[in-house]
């Protein structure tokens, strides 16, 4: 299962409530750069963050701090 397929499966029951998705940096600096990133899901009535991962290791096609609609990520139902 690719990361896109995983994200699509996880968000499927909530897809109509997702406003946008961001790959965000955690703000901690280690050796001159952010060491961790995480996915932040903004729903119309709340939000959710996935566990952090090493910077540049996952979701490499996403620009940090850019708001993506599900369709922009190729996630459609």
PDB file of N, CA and C in Angstrom:
ATOM      1  N   UNK A   1       0.853  -1.178   0.000  1.00  0.00           N
ATOM      2  CA  UNK A   1       0.000   0.000   0.000  1.00  0.00           C
ATOM      3  C   UNK A   1       0.897   1.238   0.000  1.00  0.00           C
ATOM      4  N   UNK A   2       0.647   2.142  -0.936  1.00  0.00           N
ATOM      5  CA  UNK A   2       1.411   3.380  -0.977  1.00  0.00           C
ATOM      6  C   UNK A   2       0.892   4.338   0.097  1.00  0.00           C
ATOM      7  N   UNK A   3       1.657   5.377   0.354  1.00  0.00           N
ATOM      8  CA  UNK A   3       1.232   6.368   1.336  1.00  0.00           C
ATOM      9  C   UNK A   3      -0.057   7.061   0.908  1.00  0.00           C
ATOM     10  N   UNK A   4      -0.203   7.317  -0.384  1.00  0.00           N
ATOM     11  CA  UNK A   4      -1.434   7.953  -0.889  1.00  0.00           C
ATOM     12  C   UNK A   4      -2.628   7.026  -0.660  1.00  0.00           C
ATOM     13  N   UNK A   5      -2.453   5.726  -0.932  1.00  0.00           N
ATOM     14  CA  UNK A   5      -3.529   4.763  -0.707  1.00  0.00           C
ATOM     15  C   UNK A   5      -3.892   4.686   0.775  1.00  0.00           C
ATOM     16  N   UNK A   6      -2.864   4.720   1.628  1.00  0.00           N
ATOM     17  CA  UNK A   6      -3.101   4.698   3.070  1.00  0.00           C
ATOM     18  C   UNK A   6      -3.916   5.917   3.501  1.00  0.00           C
ATOM     19  N   UNK A   7      -3.481   7.087   3.068  1.00  0.00           N
ATOM     20  CA  UNK A   7      -4.181   8.317   3.431  1.00  0.00           C
ATOM     21  C   UNK A   7      -5.615   8.301   2.888  1.00  0.00           C
ATOM     22  N   UNK A   8      -5.787   7.802   1.683  1.00  0.00           N
ATOM     23  CA  UNK A   8      -7.126   7.711   1.096  1.00  0.00           C
ATOM     24  C   UNK A   8      -8.019   6.796   1.932  1.00  0.00           C
ATOM     25  N   UNK A   9      -7.485   5.667   2.355  1.00  0.00           N
ATOM     26  CA  UNK A   9      -8.266   4.716   3.162  1.00  0.00           C
ATOM     27  C   UNK A   9      -8.619   5.293   4.532  1.00  0.00           C
ATOM     28  N   UNK A  10      -7.665   5.973   5.154  1.00  0.00           N
ATOM     29  CA  UNK A  10      -7.895   6.536   6.484  1.00  0.00           C
ATOM     30  C   UNK A  10      -8.941   7.651   6.440  1.00  0.00           C
ATOM     31  N   UNK A  11      -8.889   8.471   5.410  1.00  0.00           N
ATOM     32  CA  UNK A  11      -9.785   9.626   5.333  1.00  0.00           C
ATOM     33  C   UNK A  11     -11.136   9.341   4.682  1.00  0.00           C
ATOM     34  N   UNK A  12     -11.305   8.158   4.098  1.00  0.00           N
ATOM     35  CA  UNK A  12     -12.546   7.863   3.372  1.00  0.00           C
ATOM     36  C   UNK A  12     -13.816   8.127   4.180  1.00  0.00           C
ATOM     37  N   UNK A  13     -13.928   7.639   5.421  1.00  0.00           N
ATOM     38  CA  UNK A  13     -15.174   7.879   6.156  1.00  0.00           C
ATOM     39  C   UNK A  13     -15.415   9.354   6.499  1.00  0.00           C
ATOM     40  N   UNK A  14     -14.365  10.152   6.416  1.00  0.00           N
ATOM     41  CA  UNK A  14     -14.470  11.567   6.798  1.00  0.00           C
ATOM     42  C   UNK A  14     -14.246  12.513   5.622  1.00  0.00           C
ATOM     43  N   UNK A  15     -14.163  11.977   4.424  1.00  0.00           N
ATOM     44  CA  UNK A  15     -13.753  12.776   3.272  1.00  0.00           C
ATOM     45  C   UNK A  15     -14.618  14.011   3.034  1.00  0.00           C
ATOM     46  N   UNK A  16     -15.902  13.928   3.311  1.00  0.00           N
ATOM     47  CA  UNK A  16     -16.772  15.083   3.087  1.00  0.00           C
ATOM     48  C   UNK A  16     -16.595  16.165   4.147  1.00  0.00           C
ATOM     49  N   UNK A  17     -15.822  15.882   5.185  1.00  0.00           N
ATOM     50  CA  UNK A  17     -15.577  16.845   6.262  1.00  0.00           C
ATOM     51  C   UNK A  17     -14.180  17.458   6.217  1.00  0.00           C
ATOM     52  N   UNK A  18     -13.323  16.982   5.294  1.00  0.00           N
ATOM     53  CA  UNK A  18     -11.945  17.474   5.210  1.00  0.00           C
ATOM     54  C   UNK A  18     -11.926  18.802   4.466  1.00  0.00           C
ATOM     55  N   UNK A  19     -11.355  19.814   5.107  1.00  0.00           N
ATOM     56  CA  UNK A  19     -11.169  21.111   4.455  1.00  0.00           C
ATOM     57  C   UNK A  19      -9.853  21.095   3.670  1.00  0.00           C
ATOM     58  N   UNK A  20      -8.742  20.759   4.353  1.00  0.00           N
ATOM     59  CA  UNK A  20      -7.445  20.693   3.684  1.00  0.00           C
ATOM     60  C   UNK A  20      -6.468  19.838   4.483  1.00  0.00           C
ATOM     61  N   UNK A  21      -5.336  19.529   3.838  1.00  0.00           N
ATOM     62  CA  UNK A  21      -4.255  18.737   4.430  1.00  0.00           C
ATOM     63  C   UNK A  21      -2.963  19.527   4.278  1.00  0.00           C
ATOM     64  N   UNK A  22      -2.144  19.547   5.311  1.00  0.00           N
ATOM     65  CA  UNK A  22      -0.850  20.237   5.272  1.00  0.00           C
ATOM     66  C   UNK A  22       0.233  19.293   5.775  1.00  0.00           C
ATOM     67  N   UNK A  23       1.381  19.300   5.106  1.00  0.00           N
ATOM     68  CA  UNK A  23       2.579  18.664   5.659  1.00  0.00           C
ATOM     69  C   UNK A  23       3.314  19.777   6.399  1.00  0.00           C
ATOM     70  N   UNK A  24       3.340  19.679   7.703  1.00  0.00           N
ATOM     71  CA  UNK A  24       3.850  20.765   8.528  1.00  0.00           C
ATOM     72  C   UNK A  24       5.144  20.377   9.224  1.00  0.00           C
ATOM     73  N   UNK A  25       5.933  21.364   9.539  1.00  0.00           N
ATOM     74  CA  UNK A  25       7.170  21.153  10.304  1.00  0.00           C
ATOM     75  C   UNK A  25       6.870  21.353  11.778  1.00  0.00           C
ATOM     76  N   UNK A  26       7.556  20.578  12.620  1.00  0.00           N
ATOM     77  CA  UNK A  26       7.248  20.646  14.049  1.00  0.00           C
ATOM     78  C   UNK A  26       7.866  21.841  14.754  1.00  0.00           C
ATOM     79  N   UNK A  27       8.738  22.583  14.092  1.00  0.00           N
ATOM     80  CA  UNK A  27       9.279  23.809  14.679  1.00  0.00           C
ATOM     81  C   UNK A  27      10.536  23.622  15.503  1.00  0.00           C
ATOM     82  N   UNK A  28      10.857  22.398  15.892  1.00  0.00           N
ATOM     83  CA  UNK A  28      12.099  22.176  16.632  1.00  0.00           C
ATOM     84  C   UNK A  28      13.257  22.134  15.654  1.00  0.00           C
ATOM     85  N   UNK A  29      14.316  22.782  15.992  1.00  0.00           N
ATOM     86  CA  UNK A  29      15.485  22.851  15.130  1.00  0.00           C
ATOM     87  C   UNK A  29      16.561  21.897  15.647  1.00  0.00           C
ATOM     88  N   UNK A  30      17.100  21.091  14.738  1.00  0.00           N
ATOM     89  CA  UNK A  30      18.177  20.166  15.082  1.00  0.00           C
ATOM     90  C   UNK A  30      19.215  20.239  13.984  1.00  0.00           C
ATOM     91  N   UNK A  31      20.441  20.613  14.344  1.00  0.00           N
ATOM     92  CA  UNK A  31      21.539  20.746  13.382  1.00  0.00           C
ATOM     93  C   UNK A  31      21.176  21.685  12.235  1.00  0.00           C
ATOM     94  N   UNK A  32      20.524  22.790  12.562  1.00  0.00           N
ATOM     95  CA  UNK A  32      20.239  23.824  11.578  1.00  0.00           C
ATOM     96  C   UNK A  32      18.979  23.652  10.760  1.00  0.00           C
ATOM     97  N   UNK A  33      18.222  22.579  10.989  1.00  0.00           N
ATOM     98  CA  UNK A  33      16.986  22.412  10.221  1.00  0.00           C
ATOM     99  C   UNK A  33      15.923  21.717  11.062  1.00  0.00           C
ATOM    100  N   UNK A  34      14.705  21.769  10.575  1.00  0.00           N
ATOM    101  CA  UNK A  34      13.614  21.071  11.263  1.00  0.00           C
ATOM    102  C   UNK A  34      13.850  19.574  11.122  1.00  0.00           C
ATOM    103  N   UNK A  35      13.749  18.872  12.223  1.00  0.00           N
ATOM    104  CA  UNK A  35      14.051  17.448  12.187  1.00  0.00           C
ATOM    105  C   UNK A  35      12.817  16.577  11.961  1.00  0.00           C
ATOM    106  N   UNK A  36      11.647  17.104  12.218  1.00  0.00           N
ATOM    107  CA  UNK A  36      10.427  16.309  12.095  1.00  0.00           C
ATOM    108  C   UNK A  36       9.354  17.070  11.340  1.00  0.00           C
ATOM    109  N   UNK A  37       8.491  16.309  10.678  1.00  0.00           N
ATOM    110  CA  UNK A  37       7.323  16.847  10.003  1.00  0.00           C
ATOM    111  C   UNK A  37       6.127  15.978  10.393  1.00  0.00           C
ATOM    112  N   UNK A  38       4.935  16.466  10.100  1.00  0.00           N
ATOM    113  CA  UNK A  38       3.732  15.680  10.351  1.00  0.00           C
ATOM    114  C   UNK A  38       2.629  16.151   9.421  1.00  0.00           C
ATOM    115  N   UNK A  39       1.644  15.292   9.216  1.00  0.00           N
ATOM    116  CA  UNK A  39       0.475  15.679   8.431  1.00  0.00           C
ATOM    117  C   UNK A  39      -0.578  16.233   9.367  1.00  0.00           C
ATOM    118  N   UNK A  40      -1.129  17.370   8.994  1.00  0.00           N
ATOM    119  CA  UNK A  40      -2.183  18.033   9.742  1.00  0.00           C
ATOM    120  C   UNK A  40      -3.420  18.038   8.858  1.00  0.00           C
ATOM    121  N   UNK A  41      -4.502  17.479   9.362  1.00  0.00           N
ATOM    122  CA  UNK A  41      -5.762  17.430   8.627  1.00  0.00           C
ATOM    123  C   UNK A  41      -6.718  18.420   9.262  1.00  0.00           C
ATOM    124  N   UNK A  42      -7.185  19.398   8.499  1.00  0.00           N
ATOM    125  CA  UNK A  42      -8.146  20.380   8.982  1.00  0.00           C
ATOM    126  C   UNK A  42      -9.522  19.976   8.490  1.00  0.00           C
ATOM    127  N   UNK A  43     -10.389  19.665   9.433  1.00  0.00           N
ATOM    128  CA  UNK A  43     -11.777  19.366   9.130  1.00  0.00           C
ATOM    129  C   UNK A  43     -12.584  20.649   9.281  1.00  0.00           C
ATOM    130  N   UNK A  44     -13.778  20.673   8.767  1.00  0.00           N
ATOM    131  CA  UNK A  44     -14.631  21.853   8.899  1.00  0.00           C
ATOM    132  C   UNK A  44     -15.008  22.105  10.353  1.00  0.00           C
ATOM    133  N   UNK A  45     -14.964  21.044  11.175  1.00  0.00           N
ATOM    134  CA  UNK A  45     -15.358  21.198  12.579  1.00  0.00           C
ATOM    135  C   UNK A  45     -14.283  20.731  13.564  1.00  0.00           C
ATOM    136  N   UNK A  46     -13.025  20.737  13.169  1.00  0.00           N
ATOM    137  CA  UNK A  46     -11.946  20.320  14.058  1.00  0.00           C
ATOM    138  C   UNK A  46     -10.683  20.035  13.277  1.00  0.00           C
ATOM    139  N   UNK A  47      -9.742  19.344  13.899  1.00  0.00           N
ATOM    140  CA  UNK A  47      -8.498  19.014  13.213  1.00  0.00           C
ATOM    141  C   UNK A  47      -7.888  17.751  13.811  1.00  0.00           C
ATOM    142  N   UNK A  48      -6.875  17.223  13.116  1.00  0.00           N
ATOM    143  CA  UNK A  48      -6.204  16.003  13.524  1.00  0.00           C
ATOM    144  C   UNK A  48      -4.776  16.042  13.001  1.00  0.00           C
ATOM    145  N   UNK A  49      -3.826  15.571  13.787  1.00  0.00           N
ATOM    146  CA  UNK A  49      -2.431  15.468  13.351  1.00  0.00           C
ATOM    147  C   UNK A  49      -1.984  14.019  13.401  1.00  0.00           C
ATOM    148  N   UNK A  50      -1.325  13.575  12.350  1.00  0.00           N
ATOM    149  CA  UNK A  50      -0.721  12.253  12.339  1.00  0.00           C
ATOM    150  C   UNK A  50       0.583  12.305  13.132  1.00  0.00           C
ATOM    151  N   UNK A  51       1.098  11.167  13.571  1.00  0.00           N
ATOM    152  CA  UNK A  51       2.398  11.157  14.264  1.00  0.00           C
ATOM    153  C   UNK A  51       3.497  11.729  13.375  1.00  0.00           C
ATOM    154  N   UNK A  52       4.499  12.313  14.001  1.00  0.00           N
ATOM    155  CA  UNK A  52       5.585  12.944  13.239  1.00  0.00           C
ATOM    156  C   UNK A  52       6.501  11.903  12.599  1.00  0.00           C
ATOM    157  N   UNK A  53       7.235  12.359  11.587  1.00  0.00           N
ATOM    158  CA  UNK A  53       8.200  11.528  10.875  1.00  0.00           C
ATOM    159  C   UNK A  53       9.407  12.395  10.543  1.00  0.00           C
ATOM    160  N   UNK A  54      10.542  11.772  10.206  1.00  0.00           N
ATOM    161  CA  UNK A  54      11.753  12.511   9.867  1.00  0.00           C
ATOM    162  C   UNK A  54      11.514  13.380   8.641  1.00  0.00           C
ATOM    163  N   UNK A  55      12.008  14.606   8.674  1.00  0.00           N
ATOM    164  CA  UNK A  55      11.841  15.545   7.561  1.00  0.00           C
ATOM    165  C   UNK A  55      12.337  14.938   6.257  1.00  0.00           C
ATOM    166  N   UNK A  56      11.522  15.109   5.219  1.00  0.00           N
ATOM    167  CA  UNK A  56      11.908  14.670   3.890  1.00  0.00           C
ATOM    168  C   UNK A  56      11.772  13.180   3.645  1.00  0.00           C
ATOM    169  N   UNK A  57      11.257  12.434   4.595  1.00  0.00           N
ATOM    170  CA  UNK A  57      11.174  10.979   4.454  1.00  0.00           C
ATOM    171  C   UNK A  57       9.829  10.481   3.940  1.00  0.00           C
ATOM    172  N   UNK A  58       8.773  11.245   4.127  1.00  0.00           N
ATOM    173  CA  UNK A  58       7.438  10.803   3.707  1.00  0.00           C
ATOM    174  C   UNK A  58       6.713  11.942   3.001  1.00  0.00           C
ATOM    175  N   UNK A  59       5.768  11.563   2.170  1.00  0.00           N
ATOM    176  CA  UNK A  59       4.948  12.539   1.447  1.00  0.00           C
ATOM    177  C   UNK A  59       5.837  13.543   0.707  1.00  0.00           C
ATOM    178  N   UNK A  60       6.851  13.011   0.007  1.00  0.00           N
ATOM    179  CA  UNK A  60       7.854  13.856  -0.646  1.00  0.00           C
ATOM    180  C   UNK A  60       7.275  14.752  -1.738  1.00  0.00           C
ATOM    181  N   UNK A  61       6.128  14.407  -2.296  1.00  0.00           N
ATOM    182  CA  UNK A  61       5.524  15.247  -3.329  1.00  0.00           C
ATOM    183  C   UNK A  61       4.787  16.452  -2.788  1.00  0.00           C
ATOM    184  N   UNK A  62       4.660  16.547  -1.469  1.00  0.00           N
ATOM    185  CA  UNK A  62       3.948  17.667  -0.856  1.00  0.00           C
ATOM    186  C   UNK A  62       4.922  18.740  -0.398  1.00  0.00           C
ATOM    187  N   UNK A  63       4.604  19.981  -0.687  1.00  0.00           N
ATOM    188  CA  UNK A  63       5.411  21.095  -0.193  1.00  0.00           C
ATOM    189  C   UNK A  63       5.029  21.370   1.262  1.00  0.00           C
ATOM    190  N   UNK A  64       6.015  21.606   2.123  1.00  0.00           N
ATOM    191  CA  UNK A  64       5.692  21.931   3.520  1.00  0.00           C
ATOM    192  C   UNK A  64       4.886  23.222   3.620  1.00  0.00           C
ATOM    193  N   UNK A  65       3.928  23.228   4.531  1.00  0.00           N
ATOM    194  CA  UNK A  65       3.098  24.379   4.882  1.00  0.00           C
ATOM    195  C   UNK A  65       2.141  24.829   3.785  1.00  0.00           C
ATOM    196  N   UNK A  66       1.951  24.032   2.748  1.00  0.00           N
ATOM    197  CA  UNK A  66       0.992  24.352   1.693  1.00  0.00           C
ATOM    198  C   UNK A  66      -0.310  23.608   1.969  1.00  0.00           C
ATOM    199  N   UNK A  67      -1.435  24.317   1.845  1.00  0.00           N
ATOM    200  CA  UNK A  67      -2.747  23.700   2.038  1.00  0.00           C
ATOM    201  C   UNK A  67      -3.148  22.963   0.766  1.00  0.00           C
ATOM    202  N   UNK A  68      -3.485  21.687   0.928  1.00  0.00           N
ATOM    203  CA  UNK A  68      -3.918  20.853  -0.189  1.00  0.00           C
ATOM    204  C   UNK A  68      -5.354  20.393   0.023  1.00  0.00           C
ATOM    205  N   UNK A  69      -6.159  20.496  -1.002  1.00  0.00           N
ATOM    206  CA  UNK A  69      -7.468  19.847  -1.020  1.00  0.00           C
ATOM    207  C   UNK A  69      -7.222  18.383  -1.371  1.00  0.00           C
ATOM    208  N   UNK A  70      -8.130  17.506  -0.970  1.00  0.00           N
ATOM    209  CA  UNK A  70      -7.947  16.083  -1.253  1.00  0.00           C
ATOM    210  C   UNK A  70      -7.753  15.819  -2.743  1.00  0.00           C
ATOM    211  N   UNK A  71      -8.484  16.512  -3.592  1.00  0.00           N
ATOM    212  CA  UNK A  71      -8.385  16.330  -5.032  1.00  0.00           C
ATOM    213  C   UNK A  71      -6.974  16.651  -5.543  1.00  0.00           C
ATOM    214  N   UNK A  72      -6.325  17.650  -4.945  1.00  0.00           N
ATOM    215  CA  UNK A  72      -4.975  18.014  -5.353  1.00  0.00           C
ATOM    216  C   UNK A  72      -3.971  16.907  -5.033  1.00  0.00           C
ATOM    217  N   UNK A  73      -4.297  16.090  -4.053  1.00  0.00           N
ATOM    218  CA  UNK A  73      -3.439  14.971  -3.657  1.00  0.00           C
ATOM    219  C   UNK A  73      -3.803  13.690  -4.411  1.00  0.00           C
ATOM    220  N   UNK A  74      -4.752  13.792  -5.331  1.00  0.00           N
ATOM    221  CA  UNK A  74      -5.171  12.632  -6.087  1.00  0.00           C
ATOM    222  C   UNK A  74      -6.078  11.705  -5.300  1.00  0.00           C
ATOM    223  N   UNK A  75      -6.715  12.243  -4.258  1.00  0.00           N
ATOM    224  CA  UNK A  75      -7.601  11.443  -3.425  1.00  0.00           C
ATOM    225  C   UNK A  75      -9.044  11.810  -3.757  1.00  0.00           C
ATOM    226  N   UNK A  76      -9.699  10.912  -4.450  1.00  0.00           N
ATOM    227  CA  UNK A  76     -11.102  11.104  -4.804  1.00  0.00           C
ATOM    228  C   UNK A  76     -11.858   9.822  -4.473  1.00  0.00           C
ATOM    229  N   UNK A  77     -13.142   9.946  -4.264  1.00  0.00           N
ATOM    230  CA  UNK A  77     -13.976   8.799  -3.901  1.00  0.00           C
ATOM    231  C   UNK A  77     -15.133   8.671  -4.856  1.00  0.00           C
TER     232      UNK A  77
END
